[in-house]
Amino acid sequence: APEPPACVLLAFFHFDKAGGTALREHLDRLDPSCRKLKDASGNLGFCGEPGFVRLPEHNFSWWADDAAARARTPRVWIEMHAGKFHLQLAKLEALRAQVGKQCRVVSAAMLREPVAQLGSGYSYW
């Protein structure tokens, strides 16, 4: 079996009104700092181990630049708002080129049926 990667980065592309906020909340529960919180039933054991930590969308290059940071925090994710999708995709490709040999870089997006998405956005705003 192949050896697992030393680190993993998930880039989640958040398109408006497609369920991204709910996914963000679930991913946030995987951060070890969430152990201070309780879920709806009062349980504390819903966080991931080792932690899966969110990096700031506009300041994540330090993680790629610093091998020690990747060793300290090997499982990270970024919420990338998809308003300027082509620019966000370019950032992700640069990151993948930089750390792709040492780390697994995964991207994901949730999409929604277009008419329902437009209706939800209209009602929301």
Foldseek 3Di string as FASTA:
>chain_A
DDDAFLAEEEEEEEEAQQCVVVVVVLLCQQAVVCLVDAPPVRDSPSHHPPGAEEDEQVDDVVCLVDPVNCNVHRHYYYYHYCPVVVVSVVVLVVSCVRCVVRYHYHYYYGDDDVVVSVVVVVVVD
